[in-house]
Amino acid sequence: MSNMIILYTLPSCPKCQVIKMYLTTLGVPFTERNASNFLAYLTSKGFREVPILEINGELFNCTSVQEVMFILRSKGYLSVRDAW
């Protein structure tokens, strides 16, 4: 896929670590960014919690593996068999 995936996280966020591990385990390439460095951008888009996934400029709040799985499937990054 040519879409760029960015994962906005915070160091003290356990959910962020889970999502990061999930993406890594699946072999999905992504760039991790510290959300505190992008606070104005993220809050201007209505986001107040991490982790936040950005795919090709579209932002998603992703607080569970299931949400990330659904997002990745809908964007063509995963097939049904790749999810687990």
C-alpha atoms as a PDB file:
ATOM      1  CA  MET A   1       0.000   0.000   0.000  1.00  0.00           C
ATOM      2  CA  SER A   2       1.221   3.463  -0.755  1.00  0.00           C
ATOM      3  CA  ASN A   3      -0.802   5.132   2.015  1.00  0.00           C
ATOM      4  CA  MET A   4       1.217   6.499   4.883  1.00  0.00           C
ATOM      5  CA  ILE A   5       0.210   5.327   8.347  1.00  0.00           C
ATOM      6  CA  ILE A   6       1.001   7.452  11.381  1.00  0.00           C
ATOM      7  CA  LEU A   7       0.322   6.347  14.940  1.00  0.00           C
ATOM      8  CA  TYR A   8       0.100   9.203  17.447  1.00  0.00           C
ATOM      9  CA  THR A   9       0.979   7.984  20.919  1.00  0.00           C
ATOM     10  CA  LEU A  10       2.146   9.083  24.344  1.00  0.00           C
ATOM     11  CA  PRO A  11       4.930   7.293  26.246  1.00  0.00           C
ATOM     12  CA  SER A  12       2.764   6.618  29.313  1.00  0.00           C
ATOM     13  CA  CYS A  13      -0.212   5.260  27.341  1.00  0.00           C
ATOM     14  CA  PRO A  14      -0.774   1.491  27.748  1.00  0.00           C
ATOM     15  CA  LYS A  15      -3.331   1.388  24.907  1.00  0.00           C
ATOM     16  CA  CYS A  16      -0.751   2.986  22.632  1.00  0.00           C
ATOM     17  CA  GLN A  17       1.722   0.227  23.402  1.00  0.00           C
ATOM     18  CA  VAL A  18      -0.875  -2.438  22.613  1.00  0.00           C
ATOM     19  CA  ILE A  19      -1.784  -0.859  19.257  1.00  0.00           C
ATOM     20  CA  LYS A  20       1.885  -0.344  18.392  1.00  0.00           C
ATOM     21  CA  MET A  21       2.617  -4.005  19.167  1.00  0.00           C
ATOM     22  CA  TYR A  22      -0.386  -5.115  17.099  1.00  0.00           C
ATOM     23  CA  LEU A  23       0.717  -3.126  14.036  1.00  0.00           C
ATOM     24  CA  THR A  24       4.278  -4.399  14.417  1.00  0.00           C
ATOM     25  CA  THR A  25       3.118  -8.015  14.773  1.00  0.00           C
ATOM     26  CA  LEU A  26       1.041  -7.704  11.607  1.00  0.00           C
ATOM     27  CA  GLY A  27       3.993  -6.221   9.752  1.00  0.00           C
ATOM     28  CA  VAL A  28       2.060  -3.071   8.897  1.00  0.00           C
ATOM     29  CA  PRO A  29       4.546  -0.246   8.279  1.00  0.00           C
ATOM     30  CA  PHE A  30       3.845   2.891  10.303  1.00  0.00           C
ATOM     31  CA  THR A  31       5.503   5.955  11.716  1.00  0.00           C
ATOM     32  CA  GLU A  32       5.084   6.650  15.413  1.00  0.00           C
ATOM     33  CA  ARG A  33       4.743  10.259  16.541  1.00  0.00           C
ATOM     34  CA  ASN A  34       4.547  11.658  20.034  1.00  0.00           C
ATOM     35  CA  ALA A  35       1.071  13.207  20.232  1.00  0.00           C
ATOM     36  CA  SER A  36       2.262  15.937  22.585  1.00  0.00           C
ATOM     37  CA  ASN A  37       4.300  17.380  19.689  1.00  0.00           C
ATOM     38  CA  PHE A  38       1.153  17.547  17.512  1.00  0.00           C
ATOM     39  CA  LEU A  39      -1.344  18.671  20.129  1.00  0.00           C
ATOM     40  CA  ALA A  40      -2.643  21.721  18.232  1.00  0.00           C
ATOM     41  CA  TYR A  41      -3.156  19.672  15.057  1.00  0.00           C
ATOM     42  CA  LEU A  42      -4.905  16.780  16.806  1.00  0.00           C
ATOM     43  CA  THR A  43      -7.164  18.911  18.999  1.00  0.00           C
ATOM     44  CA  SER A  44      -8.119  21.085  16.022  1.00  0.00           C
ATOM     45  CA  LYS A  45      -9.429  17.884  14.422  1.00  0.00           C
ATOM     46  CA  GLY A  46     -11.453  17.063  17.560  1.00  0.00           C
ATOM     47  CA  PHE A  47      -9.177  14.421  19.051  1.00  0.00           C
ATOM     48  CA  ARG A  48      -8.493  14.398  22.773  1.00  0.00           C
ATOM     49  CA  GLU A  49      -7.304  10.832  23.426  1.00  0.00           C
ATOM     50  CA  VAL A  50      -4.540   8.628  22.091  1.00  0.00           C
ATOM     51  CA  PRO A  51      -3.839   6.395  20.316  1.00  0.00           C
ATOM     52  CA  ILE A  52      -4.815   8.059  17.057  1.00  0.00           C
ATOM     53  CA  LEU A  53      -4.218   6.435  13.702  1.00  0.00           C
ATOM     54  CA  GLU A  54      -3.775   8.557  10.603  1.00  0.00           C
ATOM     55  CA  ILE A  55      -4.018   6.908   7.200  1.00  0.00           C
ATOM     56  CA  ASN A  56      -3.485   9.080   4.145  1.00  0.00           C
ATOM     57  CA  GLY A  57      -4.612  12.171   6.060  1.00  0.00           C
ATOM     58  CA  GLU A  58      -7.704  10.569   7.626  1.00  0.00           C
ATOM     59  CA  LEU A  59      -7.688  10.394  11.436  1.00  0.00           C
ATOM     60  CA  PHE A  60      -9.182   7.621  13.580  1.00  0.00           C
ATOM     61  CA  ASN A  61      -9.393   7.180  17.336  1.00  0.00           C
ATOM     62  CA  CYS A  62      -8.307   3.607  17.943  1.00  0.00           C
ATOM     63  CA  THR A  63      -8.540   2.471  21.520  1.00  0.00           C
ATOM     64  CA  SER A  64      -8.797  -1.251  20.810  1.00  0.00           C
ATOM     65  CA  VAL A  65      -7.231  -3.849  18.564  1.00  0.00           C
ATOM     66  CA  GLN A  66     -10.683  -4.527  17.111  1.00  0.00           C
ATOM     67  CA  GLU A  67     -11.044  -0.907  16.011  1.00  0.00           C
ATOM     68  CA  VAL A  68      -7.600  -0.946  14.400  1.00  0.00           C
ATOM     69  CA  MET A  69      -8.395  -4.232  12.676  1.00  0.00           C
ATOM     70  CA  PHE A  70     -11.619  -2.777  11.249  1.00  0.00           C
ATOM     71  CA  ILE A  71      -9.858   0.399  10.080  1.00  0.00           C
ATOM     72  CA  LEU A  72      -7.008  -1.517   8.440  1.00  0.00           C
ATOM     73  CA  ARG A  73      -9.461  -3.864   6.706  1.00  0.00           C
ATOM     74  CA  SER A  74     -11.544  -0.970   5.421  1.00  0.00           C
ATOM     75  CA  LYS A  75      -8.427   0.697   4.012  1.00  0.00           C
ATOM     76  CA  GLY A  76      -7.189  -2.491   2.334  1.00  0.00           C
ATOM     77  CA  TYR A  77      -4.274  -3.222   4.652  1.00  0.00           C
ATOM     78  CA  LEU A  78      -5.679  -6.506   5.998  1.00  0.00           C
ATOM     79  CA  SER A  79      -7.613  -9.423   4.713  1.00  0.00           C
ATOM     80  CA  VAL A  80      -9.846 -11.391   7.061  1.00  0.00           C
ATOM     81  CA  ARG A  81      -7.163 -14.025   7.597  1.00  0.00           C
ATOM     82  CA  ASP A  82      -4.501 -11.420   8.489  1.00  0.00           C
ATOM     83  CA  ALA A  83      -6.393  -9.973  11.441  1.00  0.00           C
ATOM     84  CA  TRP A  84      -5.208 -12.425  14.093  1.00  0.00           C
END
